Amino acid sequence: MAHRVEVEVAWLRGLSQADLSEVAPFTDAAEKLLTSLVDDFTTEDAARIKEIEKTTNHDVKAVEYWLKEKVQDEPSLAQAAEFIHFACTSEDINNTAHALMFTRAREQALVPALTALLEQLHQLARTQASQPMLSRTHGQPATPTTLGKEFANVSHRLAGCIEAIQAVKPLAKLNGATGNYSAHLSAYPDVDWEQFSAKVLAQLGLTQNTHTIQIEPHDWMAALFDAIARTNTVLLDLNRDIWGYISLGYFK
């Protein structure tokens, strides 16, 4: 819900800067209020949106109505209230919110956690580089190796996994009910809506998907999930190897 609010606010701010006759540029007080709605969103705000949803029976529409409640006492925002969700379909708000959520989860949680683990593996590879270890193949004793080399193998794989996760480019779209800017152009045919939407998304730190239907197809999400799944496979391999070393009596 917090990210939906952020997207709706970004869209409304963009409209206020587009020289539309019905949406005048916002005052400093209005801008401050919009910023606070995003930055200070609380669980109580979420509860209020859920309360509104009991009437709307629509989650995104409830966010729009909550925003209208919040801006009704600020004149320039109250005048523009009907434009909060102008020309948007629910997917415009949802797909953009999801892109923000995944981007921030990756940057703020997933990659830092994996990078910290990678450094631990690097450290083990260095400190145990000369520790002899009898390797095995098909479960049978094989040629000598070192414990550090075994950890180096895993760290090399994990580094590649992190690169793959970071390489995925999150995409989003703000192009209306069928991806054709139909309502936008019908209302304001002289506005370059594709450029406008790209600008709003760029201000959110996202890249525009220029070719969609009603939904953003989520191919980038599939790529991200696949990269995470492959990362999990590497870590499962490590866990099983350690379990095997313990069962063999290498580790105690």
Protein backbone atom coordinates (compact mmCIF):
# COMPACT_ATOMS: atom_id res chain seq x y z
CA MET A 1 0.00 0.00 0.00
CA ALA A 2 2.82 2.41 0.82
CA HIS A 3 4.34 1.85 -2.61
CA ARG A 4 0.97 2.27 -4.31
CA VAL A 5 0.63 5.62 -2.57
CA GLU A 6 4.11 6.57 -3.75
CA VAL A 7 3.24 5.73 -7.36
CA GLU A 8 -0.08 7.62 -7.28
CA VAL A 9 1.68 10.66 -5.84
CA ALA A 10 4.42 10.51 -8.46
CA TRP A 11 1.81 10.36 -11.23
CA LEU A 12 -0.13 13.29 -9.80
CA ARG A 13 3.05 15.34 -9.42
CA GLY A 14 3.90 14.61 -13.03
CA LEU A 15 0.49 15.83 -14.16
CA SER A 16 0.99 19.07 -12.22
CA GLN A 17 4.15 19.70 -14.24
CA ALA A 18 2.65 18.86 -17.65
CA ASP A 19 0.99 22.23 -18.38
CA LEU A 20 -2.51 20.77 -18.30
CA SER A 21 -5.16 23.47 -18.05
CA GLU A 22 -7.02 21.59 -15.32
CA VAL A 23 -4.01 20.82 -13.13
CA ALA A 24 -2.07 23.86 -11.99
CA PRO A 25 1.46 23.54 -10.55
CA PHE A 26 1.29 22.70 -6.87
CA THR A 27 2.17 25.10 -4.09
CA ASP A 28 5.07 24.45 -1.72
CA ALA A 29 2.55 23.48 0.95
CA ALA A 30 0.96 20.98 -1.41
CA GLU A 31 4.30 19.47 -2.32
CA LYS A 32 5.20 19.17 1.36
CA LEU A 33 1.93 17.38 2.06
CA LEU A 34 2.45 14.93 -0.81
CA THR A 35 5.95 14.17 0.44
CA SER A 36 4.65 13.50 3.93
CA LEU A 37 1.97 11.12 2.62
CA VAL A 38 4.72 8.99 1.10
CA ASP A 39 7.44 9.33 3.73
CA ASP A 40 5.21 9.10 6.80
CA PHE A 41 2.83 6.33 5.70
CA THR A 42 1.80 4.27 8.73
CA THR A 43 0.03 1.04 9.57
CA GLU A 44 -2.89 3.20 10.65
CA ASP A 45 -3.02 4.65 7.14
CA ALA A 46 -3.06 1.13 5.75
CA ALA A 47 -5.89 0.20 8.09
CA ARG A 48 -7.89 3.21 6.89
CA ILE A 49 -7.38 2.13 3.27
CA LYS A 50 -8.64 -1.35 4.15
CA GLU A 51 -11.67 0.26 5.76
CA ILE A 52 -12.38 2.19 2.57
CA GLU A 53 -11.92 -1.00 0.58
CA LYS A 54 -14.93 -2.50 2.37
CA THR A 55 -16.99 0.02 0.43
CA THR A 56 -15.10 0.13 -2.86
CA ASN A 57 -14.43 -3.63 -3.04
CA HIS A 58 -11.31 -2.57 -4.93
CA ASP A 59 -7.88 -2.26 -3.35
CA VAL A 60 -6.32 0.33 -5.69
CA LYS A 61 -9.47 2.45 -5.80
CA ALA A 62 -9.37 2.50 -1.99
CA VAL A 63 -5.86 4.00 -2.17
CA GLU A 64 -7.17 6.72 -4.49
CA TYR A 65 -10.04 7.55 -2.14
CA TRP A 66 -7.66 7.65 0.84
CA LEU A 67 -5.49 10.15 -0.99
CA LYS A 68 -8.54 12.28 -1.75
CA GLU A 69 -9.33 12.30 1.95
CA LYS A 70 -5.81 13.38 2.80
CA VAL A 71 -5.63 16.27 0.33
CA GLN A 72 -9.12 17.71 0.72
CA ASP A 73 -7.97 20.52 3.03
CA GLU A 74 -5.15 21.69 0.77
CA PRO A 75 -6.71 23.93 -1.93
CA SER A 76 -4.42 23.22 -4.90
CA LEU A 77 -4.52 19.47 -4.23
CA ALA A 78 -8.25 19.40 -3.59
CA GLN A 79 -8.78 21.05 -6.96
CA ALA A 80 -6.71 18.34 -8.63
CA ALA A 81 -8.13 15.44 -6.61
CA GLU A 82 -10.02 13.91 -9.54
CA PHE A 83 -6.72 13.60 -11.40
CA ILE A 84 -5.06 11.42 -8.77
CA HIS A 85 -5.73 8.29 -10.82
CA PHE A 86 -6.23 10.00 -14.20
CA ALA A 87 -6.06 7.57 -17.18
CA CYS A 88 -4.49 4.83 -15.03
CA THR A 89 -5.56 1.24 -14.82
CA SER A 90 -4.93 -0.62 -11.58
CA GLU A 91 -2.07 -2.51 -13.19
CA ASP A 92 -0.28 0.79 -13.83
CA ILE A 93 -0.14 1.38 -10.09
CA ASN A 94 0.45 -2.24 -9.10
CA ASN A 95 3.18 -3.15 -11.58
CA THR A 96 5.09 0.02 -10.73
CA ALA A 97 4.69 -0.58 -7.00
CA HIS A 98 5.93 -4.15 -7.43
CA ALA A 99 8.95 -2.95 -9.42
CA LEU A 100 9.82 -0.52 -6.63
CA MET A 101 9.39 -3.21 -3.99
CA PHE A 102 11.58 -5.76 -5.77
CA THR A 103 14.22 -3.16 -6.60
CA ARG A 104 14.47 -2.00 -3.02
CA ALA A 105 14.34 -5.53 -1.61
CA ARG A 106 17.21 -6.46 -3.90
CA GLU A 107 19.29 -3.38 -3.13
CA GLN A 108 18.56 -3.06 0.57
CA ALA A 109 18.25 -6.69 1.72
CA LEU A 110 19.04 -9.48 -0.73
CA VAL A 111 22.29 -8.32 -2.32
CA PRO A 112 23.79 -7.02 0.96
CA ALA A 113 23.05 -10.36 2.65
CA LEU A 114 24.53 -12.36 -0.21
CA THR A 115 27.54 -10.07 -0.44
CA ALA A 116 28.23 -10.53 3.28
CA LEU A 117 28.03 -14.31 2.83
CA LEU A 118 30.33 -14.09 -0.21
CA GLU A 119 32.94 -12.25 1.84
CA GLN A 120 32.78 -14.97 4.51
CA LEU A 121 33.36 -17.61 1.84
CA HIS A 122 36.24 -15.59 0.39
CA GLN A 123 37.75 -15.36 3.85
CA LEU A 124 37.48 -19.12 4.38
CA ALA A 125 39.01 -19.72 0.96
CA ARG A 126 41.99 -17.56 1.91
CA THR A 127 42.55 -18.75 5.47
CA GLN A 128 42.10 -22.44 4.54
CA ALA A 129 43.97 -22.24 1.22
CA SER A 130 46.76 -24.55 2.45
CA GLN A 131 44.67 -26.87 4.64
CA PRO A 132 45.04 -30.35 3.03
CA MET A 133 41.84 -32.27 2.42
CA LEU A 134 41.17 -35.63 0.79
CA SER A 135 38.61 -34.96 -1.93
CA ARG A 136 36.12 -37.56 -3.11
CA THR A 137 34.46 -38.51 -6.35
CA HIS A 138 31.37 -40.71 -6.49
CA GLY A 139 31.73 -40.84 -2.71
CA GLN A 140 35.11 -42.57 -2.94
CA PRO A 141 38.52 -41.16 -1.90
CA ALA A 142 40.16 -39.28 -4.79
CA THR A 143 43.03 -36.84 -5.28
CA PRO A 144 44.16 -34.30 -2.68
CA THR A 145 42.70 -30.84 -2.56
CA THR A 146 42.57 -28.10 0.04
CA LEU A 147 39.69 -26.91 2.12
CA GLY A 148 40.23 -23.39 0.85
CA LYS A 149 39.86 -24.52 -2.75
CA GLU A 150 36.49 -26.09 -1.95
CA PHE A 151 35.24 -22.81 -0.48
CA ALA A 152 36.73 -20.94 -3.45
CA ASN A 153 34.58 -23.04 -5.76
CA VAL A 154 31.43 -21.98 -3.95
CA SER A 155 32.42 -18.33 -3.66
CA HIS A 156 33.09 -18.22 -7.41
CA ARG A 157 29.64 -19.61 -8.14
CA LEU A 158 27.95 -17.27 -5.66
CA ALA A 159 29.71 -14.24 -7.15
CA GLY A 160 28.23 -15.14 -10.53
CA CYS A 161 24.79 -15.51 -8.97
CA ILE A 162 24.99 -12.05 -7.40
CA GLU A 163 26.00 -10.60 -10.75
CA ALA A 164 22.99 -12.28 -12.38
CA ILE A 165 20.62 -10.89 -9.74
CA GLN A 166 22.03 -7.39 -10.16
CA ALA A 167 21.91 -7.60 -13.96
CA VAL A 168 18.12 -7.87 -14.08
CA LYS A 169 16.60 -4.53 -15.07
CA PRO A 170 13.23 -3.92 -13.38
CA LEU A 171 10.65 -2.56 -15.84
CA ALA A 172 7.33 -0.79 -15.34
CA LYS A 173 4.57 0.72 -17.41
CA LEU A 174 2.14 3.60 -17.00
CA ASN A 175 0.26 3.38 -20.27
CA GLY A 176 -3.38 2.76 -19.40
CA ALA A 177 -5.98 0.06 -19.73
CA THR A 178 -4.59 -1.68 -22.84
CA GLY A 179 -1.10 -0.23 -23.05
CA ASN A 180 -2.01 2.23 -25.81
CA TYR A 181 -2.45 5.53 -23.89
CA SER A 182 -6.00 5.61 -25.25
CA ALA A 183 -7.63 7.59 -22.42
CA HIS A 184 -4.60 9.86 -22.19
CA LEU A 185 -4.70 10.79 -25.87
CA SER A 186 -8.46 11.15 -25.91
CA ALA A 187 -8.28 13.75 -23.16
CA TYR A 188 -5.02 15.48 -24.15
CA PRO A 189 -3.98 14.58 -27.72
CA ASP A 190 -1.11 17.07 -27.80
CA VAL A 191 0.81 15.55 -24.88
CA ASP A 192 3.60 13.05 -25.59
CA TRP A 193 2.30 10.53 -23.09
CA GLU A 194 4.96 7.90 -23.70
CA GLN A 195 7.66 10.43 -22.89
CA PHE A 196 5.64 11.70 -19.93
CA SER A 197 5.25 8.21 -18.46
CA ALA A 198 8.93 7.44 -18.98
CA LYS A 199 9.82 10.59 -17.07
CA VAL A 200 7.58 9.70 -14.12
CA LEU A 201 9.06 6.20 -13.97
CA ALA A 202 12.60 7.56 -14.24
CA GLN A 203 11.94 9.81 -11.26
CA LEU A 204 11.03 6.65 -9.35
CA GLY A 205 14.28 5.05 -10.50
CA LEU A 206 12.60 2.64 -12.93
CA THR A 207 12.90 1.87 -16.64
CA GLN A 208 9.86 2.04 -18.90
CA ASN A 209 8.61 -1.06 -20.69
CA THR A 210 7.48 0.49 -23.96
CA HIS A 211 5.51 -2.49 -25.29
CA THR A 212 2.76 -3.97 -23.12
CA ILE A 213 -0.89 -4.91 -23.09
CA GLN A 214 -3.00 -4.13 -20.02
CA ILE A 215 -0.40 -5.78 -17.83
CA GLU A 216 3.36 -5.42 -17.70
CA PRO A 217 4.34 -8.95 -18.79
CA HIS A 218 6.70 -9.54 -15.83
CA ASP A 219 9.43 -11.18 -17.90
CA TRP A 220 12.01 -9.30 -15.83
CA MET A 221 10.45 -10.70 -12.67
CA ALA A 222 10.80 -14.22 -14.06
CA ALA A 223 14.48 -13.49 -14.77
CA LEU A 224 14.97 -12.19 -11.23
CA PHE A 225 13.20 -15.14 -9.64
CA ASP A 226 15.26 -17.54 -11.76
CA ALA A 227 18.49 -15.84 -10.68
CA ILE A 228 17.41 -16.10 -7.04
CA ALA A 229 16.47 -19.77 -7.51
CA ARG A 230 19.91 -20.51 -8.98
CA THR A 231 21.48 -18.72 -6.03
CA ASN A 232 19.49 -20.93 -3.67
CA THR A 233 20.77 -24.00 -5.53
CA VAL A 234 24.38 -22.93 -4.96
CA LEU A 235 23.73 -22.40 -1.26
CA LEU A 236 21.93 -25.75 -0.98
CA ASP A 237 24.93 -27.41 -2.60
CA LEU A 238 27.17 -25.80 0.01
CA ASN A 239 24.89 -26.92 2.84
CA ARG A 240 24.88 -30.51 1.56
CA ASP A 241 28.66 -30.51 1.15
CA ILE A 242 29.14 -29.31 4.71
CA TRP A 243 26.70 -31.97 5.91
CA GLY A 244 28.75 -34.54 4.02
CA TYR A 245 32.02 -33.31 5.51
CA ILE A 246 30.52 -33.59 8.98
CA SER A 247 29.24 -37.11 8.30
CA LEU A 248 32.71 -38.12 7.05
CA GLY A 249 34.29 -36.78 10.21
CA TYR A 250 36.17 -33.93 8.46
CA PHE A 251 34.36 -31.37 10.57
CA LYS A 252 33.29 -31.66 14.16
